[in-house]
Amino acid sequence: MEAEKRERWMRLCVEAADGQDSKRLLELISEIDGLLHEKEMRLKNVRREASRYVIEAAEKKAS
């Protein structure tokens, strides 16, 4: 699923770079923005989980 989304936003960027229709460009930009926002949220969650894991491991090691 993530790979499909990554491919999708990349394809949309290529389409936007080649586009001439301003209405279509706005649609593409809006969709790209949404996909990248989802990616950002996923990455924040991964970082949060990784930080939690590191803290828990350090606490176990200290005790």
PDB file of N, CA and C in Angstrom:
ATOM      1  N   MET A   1       0.822  -1.192   0.000  1.00  0.00           N
ATOM      2  CA  MET A   1       0.000   0.000   0.000  1.00  0.00           C
ATOM      3  C   MET A   1       0.868   1.259   0.000  1.00  0.00           C
ATOM      4  N   GLU A   2       1.882   1.312   0.878  1.00  0.00           N
ATOM      5  CA  GLU A   2       2.732   2.491   0.925  1.00  0.00           C
ATOM      6  C   GLU A   2       3.475   2.683  -0.393  1.00  0.00           C
ATOM      7  N   ALA A   3       3.946   1.588  -0.972  1.00  0.00           N
ATOM      8  CA  ALA A   3       4.655   1.687  -2.248  1.00  0.00           C
ATOM      9  C   ALA A   3       3.729   2.217  -3.333  1.00  0.00           C
ATOM     10  N   GLU A   4       2.470   1.778  -3.299  1.00  0.00           N
ATOM     11  CA  GLU A   4       1.501   2.276  -4.279  1.00  0.00           C
ATOM     12  C   GLU A   4       1.287   3.770  -4.111  1.00  0.00           C
ATOM     13  N   LYS A   5       1.191   4.236  -2.866  1.00  0.00           N
ATOM     14  CA  LYS A   5       1.005   5.665  -2.625  1.00  0.00           C
ATOM     15  C   LYS A   5       2.228   6.444  -3.071  1.00  0.00           C
ATOM     16  N   ARG A   6       3.431   5.902  -2.768  1.00  0.00           N
ATOM     17  CA  ARG A   6       4.653   6.584  -3.168  1.00  0.00           C
ATOM     18  C   ARG A   6       4.686   6.711  -4.686  1.00  0.00           C
ATOM     19  N   GLU A   7       4.401   5.626  -5.346  1.00  0.00           N
ATOM     20  CA  GLU A   7       4.398   5.661  -6.800  1.00  0.00           C
ATOM     21  C   GLU A   7       3.351   6.645  -7.305  1.00  0.00           C
ATOM     22  N   ARG A   8       2.211   6.674  -6.643  1.00  0.00           N
ATOM     23  CA  ARG A   8       1.132   7.560  -7.084  1.00  0.00           C
ATOM     24  C   ARG A   8       1.549   9.020  -6.974  1.00  0.00           C
ATOM     25  N   TRP A   9       2.110   9.441  -5.830  1.00  0.00           N
ATOM     26  CA  TRP A   9       2.457  10.850  -5.718  1.00  0.00           C
ATOM     27  C   TRP A   9       3.573  11.218  -6.686  1.00  0.00           C
ATOM     28  N   MET A  10       4.469  10.278  -6.963  1.00  0.00           N
ATOM     29  CA  MET A  10       5.529  10.550  -7.935  1.00  0.00           C
ATOM     30  C   MET A  10       4.952  10.692  -9.346  1.00  0.00           C
ATOM     31  N   ARG A  11       4.019   9.805  -9.689  1.00  0.00           N
ATOM     32  CA  ARG A  11       3.378   9.901 -11.010  1.00  0.00           C
ATOM     33  C   ARG A  11       2.611  11.213 -11.141  1.00  0.00           C
ATOM     34  N   LEU A  12       1.939  11.602 -10.066  1.00  0.00           N
ATOM     35  CA  LEU A  12       1.186  12.857 -10.095  1.00  0.00           C
ATOM     36  C   LEU A  12       2.117  14.057 -10.263  1.00  0.00           C
ATOM     37  N   CYS A  13       3.282  14.000  -9.643  1.00  0.00           N
ATOM     38  CA  CYS A  13       4.259  15.085  -9.802  1.00  0.00           C
ATOM     39  C   CYS A  13       4.728  15.200 -11.249  1.00  0.00           C
ATOM     40  N   VAL A  14       4.979  14.061 -11.865  1.00  0.00           N
ATOM     41  CA  VAL A  14       5.395  14.067 -13.274  1.00  0.00           C
ATOM     42  C   VAL A  14       4.285  14.649 -14.138  1.00  0.00           C
ATOM     43  N   GLU A  15       3.057  14.225 -13.864  1.00  0.00           N
ATOM     44  CA  GLU A  15       1.924  14.746 -14.627  1.00  0.00           C
ATOM     45  C   GLU A  15       1.780  16.252 -14.425  1.00  0.00           C
ATOM     46  N   ALA A  16       1.962  16.715 -13.193  1.00  0.00           N
ATOM     47  CA  ALA A  16       1.847  18.149 -12.908  1.00  0.00           C
ATOM     48  C   ALA A  16       2.948  18.937 -13.617  1.00  0.00           C
ATOM     49  N   ALA A  17       4.150  18.374 -13.663  1.00  0.00           N
ATOM     50  CA  ALA A  17       5.266  19.060 -14.319  1.00  0.00           C
ATOM     51  C   ALA A  17       5.021  19.224 -15.811  1.00  0.00           C
ATOM     52  N   ASP A  18       4.307  18.273 -16.399  1.00  0.00           N
ATOM     53  CA  ASP A  18       4.034  18.319 -17.833  1.00  0.00           C
ATOM     54  C   ASP A  18       2.722  19.019 -18.166  1.00  0.00           C
ATOM     55  N   GLY A  19       1.934  19.323 -17.135  1.00  0.00           N
ATOM     56  CA  GLY A  19       0.585  19.836 -17.361  1.00  0.00           C
ATOM     57  C   GLY A  19       0.526  21.292 -17.787  1.00  0.00           C
ATOM     58  N   GLN A  20      -0.540  21.619 -18.492  1.00  0.00           N
ATOM     59  CA  GLN A  20      -0.790  22.986 -18.938  1.00  0.00           C
ATOM     60  C   GLN A  20      -2.136  23.512 -18.451  1.00  0.00           C
ATOM     61  N   ASP A  21      -3.031  22.618 -18.098  1.00  0.00           N
ATOM     62  CA  ASP A  21      -4.378  22.987 -17.670  1.00  0.00           C
ATOM     63  C   ASP A  21      -4.339  23.389 -16.196  1.00  0.00           C
ATOM     64  N   SER A  22      -4.623  24.661 -15.904  1.00  0.00           N
ATOM     65  CA  SER A  22      -4.504  25.159 -14.534  1.00  0.00           C
ATOM     66  C   SER A  22      -5.470  24.463 -13.576  1.00  0.00           C
ATOM     67  N   LYS A  23      -6.666  24.127 -14.041  1.00  0.00           N
ATOM     68  CA  LYS A  23      -7.625  23.431 -13.178  1.00  0.00           C
ATOM     69  C   LYS A  23      -7.089  22.052 -12.806  1.00  0.00           C
ATOM     70  N   ARG A  24      -6.568  21.342 -13.786  1.00  0.00           N
ATOM     71  CA  ARG A  24      -6.012  20.008 -13.535  1.00  0.00           C
ATOM     72  C   ARG A  24      -4.781  20.099 -12.626  1.00  0.00           C
ATOM     73  N   LEU A  25      -3.954  21.140 -12.818  1.00  0.00           N
ATOM     74  CA  LEU A  25      -2.780  21.312 -11.967  1.00  0.00           C
ATOM     75  C   LEU A  25      -3.183  21.490 -10.504  1.00  0.00           C
ATOM     76  N   LEU A  26      -4.226  22.272 -10.257  1.00  0.00           N
ATOM     77  CA  LEU A  26      -4.710  22.456  -8.888  1.00  0.00           C
ATOM     78  C   LEU A  26      -5.207  21.144  -8.296  1.00  0.00           C
ATOM     79  N   GLU A  27      -5.902  20.349  -9.100  1.00  0.00           N
ATOM     80  CA  GLU A  27      -6.364  19.036  -8.635  1.00  0.00           C
ATOM     81  C   GLU A  27      -5.180  18.136  -8.284  1.00  0.00           C
ATOM     82  N   LEU A  28      -4.183  18.134  -9.158  1.00  0.00           N
ATOM     83  CA  LEU A  28      -3.000  17.307  -8.924  1.00  0.00           C
ATOM     84  C   LEU A  28      -2.266  17.743  -7.661  1.00  0.00           C
ATOM     85  N   ILE A  29      -2.077  19.041  -7.517  1.00  0.00           N
ATOM     86  CA  ILE A  29      -1.367  19.568  -6.353  1.00  0.00           C
ATOM     87  C   ILE A  29      -2.108  19.224  -5.070  1.00  0.00           C
ATOM     88  N   SER A  30      -3.420  19.329  -5.108  1.00  0.00           N
ATOM     89  CA  SER A  30      -4.221  18.995  -3.931  1.00  0.00           C
ATOM     90  C   SER A  30      -4.057  17.522  -3.563  1.00  0.00           C
ATOM     91  N   GLU A  31      -4.088  16.656  -4.555  1.00  0.00           N
ATOM     92  CA  GLU A  31      -3.938  15.224  -4.283  1.00  0.00           C
ATOM     93  C   GLU A  31      -2.526  14.902  -3.802  1.00  0.00           C
ATOM     94  N   ILE A  32      -1.523  15.508  -4.424  1.00  0.00           N
ATOM     95  CA  ILE A  32      -0.136  15.303  -3.997  1.00  0.00           C
ATOM     96  C   ILE A  32       0.026  15.755  -2.549  1.00  0.00           C
ATOM     97  N   ASP A  33      -0.538  16.900  -2.221  1.00  0.00           N
ATOM     98  CA  ASP A  33      -0.460  17.426  -0.859  1.00  0.00           C
ATOM     99  C   ASP A  33      -1.063  16.443   0.143  1.00  0.00           C
ATOM    100  N   GLY A  34      -2.210  15.891  -0.187  1.00  0.00           N
ATOM    101  CA  GLY A  34      -2.852  14.924   0.703  1.00  0.00           C
ATOM    102  C   GLY A  34      -2.016  13.673   0.899  1.00  0.00           C
ATOM    103  N   LEU A  35      -1.458  13.161  -0.191  1.00  0.00           N
ATOM    104  CA  LEU A  35      -0.629  11.955  -0.102  1.00  0.00           C
ATOM    105  C   LEU A  35       0.634  12.203   0.721  1.00  0.00           C
ATOM    106  N   LEU A  36       1.252  13.370   0.526  1.00  0.00           N
ATOM    107  CA  LEU A  36       2.460  13.685   1.285  1.00  0.00           C
ATOM    108  C   LEU A  36       2.143  13.947   2.757  1.00  0.00           C
ATOM    109  N   HIS A  37       0.978  14.515   3.024  1.00  0.00           N
ATOM    110  CA  HIS A  37       0.556  14.720   4.414  1.00  0.00           C
ATOM    111  C   HIS A  37       0.382  13.362   5.109  1.00  0.00           C
ATOM    112  N   GLU A  38      -0.241  12.416   4.436  1.00  0.00           N
ATOM    113  CA  GLU A  38      -0.392  11.064   4.992  1.00  0.00           C
ATOM    114  C   GLU A  38       0.975  10.443   5.281  1.00  0.00           C
ATOM    115  N   LYS A  39       1.908  10.642   4.358  1.00  0.00           N
ATOM    116  CA  LYS A  39       3.251  10.096   4.543  1.00  0.00           C
ATOM    117  C   LYS A  39       3.921  10.732   5.758  1.00  0.00           C
ATOM    118  N   GLU A  40       3.767  12.040   5.894  1.00  0.00           N
ATOM    119  CA  GLU A  40       4.349  12.733   7.036  1.00  0.00           C
ATOM    120  C   GLU A  40       3.793  12.184   8.354  1.00  0.00           C
ATOM    121  N   MET A  41       2.492  11.947   8.401  1.00  0.00           N
ATOM    122  CA  MET A  41       1.872  11.412   9.616  1.00  0.00           C
ATOM    123  C   MET A  41       2.394  10.004   9.924  1.00  0.00           C
ATOM    124  N   ARG A  42       2.552   9.178   8.890  1.00  0.00           N
ATOM    125  CA  ARG A  42       3.104   7.834   9.089  1.00  0.00           C
ATOM    126  C   ARG A  42       4.523   7.907   9.645  1.00  0.00           C
ATOM    127  N   LEU A  43       5.334   8.814   9.088  1.00  0.00           N
ATOM    128  CA  LEU A  43       6.715   8.944   9.550  1.00  0.00           C
ATOM    129  C   LEU A  43       6.778   9.437  10.988  1.00  0.00           C
ATOM    130  N   LYS A  44       5.905  10.354  11.353  1.00  0.00           N
ATOM    131  CA  LYS A  44       5.874  10.834  12.739  1.00  0.00           C
ATOM    132  C   LYS A  44       5.528   9.694  13.682  1.00  0.00           C
ATOM    133  N   ASN A  45       4.590   8.852  13.288  1.00  0.00           N
ATOM    134  CA  ASN A  45       4.219   7.708  14.120  1.00  0.00           C
ATOM    135  C   ASN A  45       5.377   6.727  14.255  1.00  0.00           C
ATOM    136  N   VAL A  46       6.095   6.493  13.173  1.00  0.00           N
ATOM    137  CA  VAL A  46       7.242   5.581  13.213  1.00  0.00           C
ATOM    138  C   VAL A  46       8.308   6.140  14.150  1.00  0.00           C
ATOM    139  N   ARG A  47       8.583   7.434  14.044  1.00  0.00           N
ATOM    140  CA  ARG A  47       9.586   8.051  14.919  1.00  0.00           C
ATOM    141  C   ARG A  47       9.161   7.966  16.381  1.00  0.00           C
ATOM    142  N   ARG A  48       7.888   8.216  16.633  1.00  0.00           N
ATOM    143  CA  ARG A  48       7.369   8.167  17.996  1.00  0.00           C
ATOM    144  C   ARG A  48       7.522   6.755  18.562  1.00  0.00           C
ATOM    145  N   GLU A  49       7.176   5.751  17.769  1.00  0.00           N
ATOM    146  CA  GLU A  49       7.300   4.364  18.216  1.00  0.00           C
ATOM    147  C   GLU A  49       8.763   3.987  18.439  1.00  0.00           C
ATOM    148  N   ALA A  50       9.645   4.441  17.559  1.00  0.00           N
ATOM    149  CA  ALA A  50      11.068   4.138  17.706  1.00  0.00           C
ATOM    150  C   ALA A  50      11.624   4.790  18.968  1.00  0.00           C
ATOM    151  N   SER A  51      11.227   6.020  19.230  1.00  0.00           N
ATOM    152  CA  SER A  51      11.681   6.706  20.443  1.00  0.00           C
ATOM    153  C   SER A  51      11.206   5.974  21.684  1.00  0.00           C
ATOM    154  N   ARG A  52       9.964   5.545  21.672  1.00  0.00           N
ATOM    155  CA  ARG A  52       9.403   4.811  22.804  1.00  0.00           C
ATOM    156  C   ARG A  52      10.188   3.511  23.029  1.00  0.00           C
ATOM    157  N   TYR A  53      10.518   2.828  21.958  1.00  0.00           N
ATOM    158  CA  TYR A  53      11.273   1.578  22.058  1.00  0.00           C
ATOM    159  C   TYR A  53      12.650   1.834  22.664  1.00  0.00           C
ATOM    160  N   VAL A  54      13.329   2.888  22.221  1.00  0.00           N
ATOM    161  CA  VAL A  54      14.662   3.213  22.733  1.00  0.00           C
ATOM    162  C   VAL A  54      14.592   3.547  24.217  1.00  0.00           C
ATOM    163  N   ILE A  55      13.597   4.328  24.605  1.00  0.00           N
ATOM    164  CA  ILE A  55      13.437   4.694  26.015  1.00  0.00           C
ATOM    165  C   ILE A  55      13.172   3.453  26.864  1.00  0.00           C
ATOM    166  N   GLU A  56      12.285   2.591  26.404  1.00  0.00           N
ATOM    167  CA  GLU A  56      11.983   1.360  27.152  1.00  0.00           C
ATOM    168  C   GLU A  56      13.220   0.477  27.276  1.00  0.00           C
ATOM    169  N   ALA A  57      13.986   0.364  26.215  1.00  0.00           N
ATOM    170  CA  ALA A  57      15.200  -0.460  26.250  1.00  0.00           C
ATOM    171  C   ALA A  57      16.217   0.128  27.224  1.00  0.00           C
ATOM    172  N   ALA A  58      16.348   1.443  27.240  1.00  0.00           N
ATOM    173  CA  ALA A  58      17.287   2.093  28.155  1.00  0.00           C
ATOM    174  C   ALA A  58      16.846   1.908  29.603  1.00  0.00           C
ATOM    175  N   GLU A  59      15.548   2.004  29.841  1.00  0.00           N
ATOM    176  CA  GLU A  59      15.031   1.813  31.201  1.00  0.00           C
ATOM    177  C   GLU A  59      15.255   0.379  31.676  1.00  0.00           C
ATOM    178  N   LYS A  60      15.048  -0.590  30.799  1.00  0.00           N
ATOM    179  CA  LYS A  60      15.278  -1.993  31.170  1.00  0.00           C
ATOM    180  C   LYS A  60      16.750  -2.241  31.467  1.00  0.00           C
ATOM    181  N   LYS A  61      17.611  -1.630  30.675  1.00  0.00           N
ATOM    182  CA  LYS A  61      19.045  -1.813  30.866  1.00  0.00           C
ATOM    183  C   LYS A  61      19.497  -1.177  32.183  1.00  0.00           C
ATOM    184  N   ALA A  62      18.896  -0.048  32.537  1.00  0.00           N
ATOM    185  CA  ALA A  62      19.274   0.664  33.761  1.00  0.00           C
ATOM    186  C   ALA A  62      18.787  -0.052  35.019  1.00  0.00           C
ATOM    187  N   SER A  63      17.739  -0.858  34.887  1.00  0.00           N
ATOM    188  CA  SER A  63      17.202  -1.512  36.098  1.00  0.00           C
ATOM    189  C   SER A  63      17.765  -2.874  36.350  1.00  0.00           C
TER     190      SER A  63
END
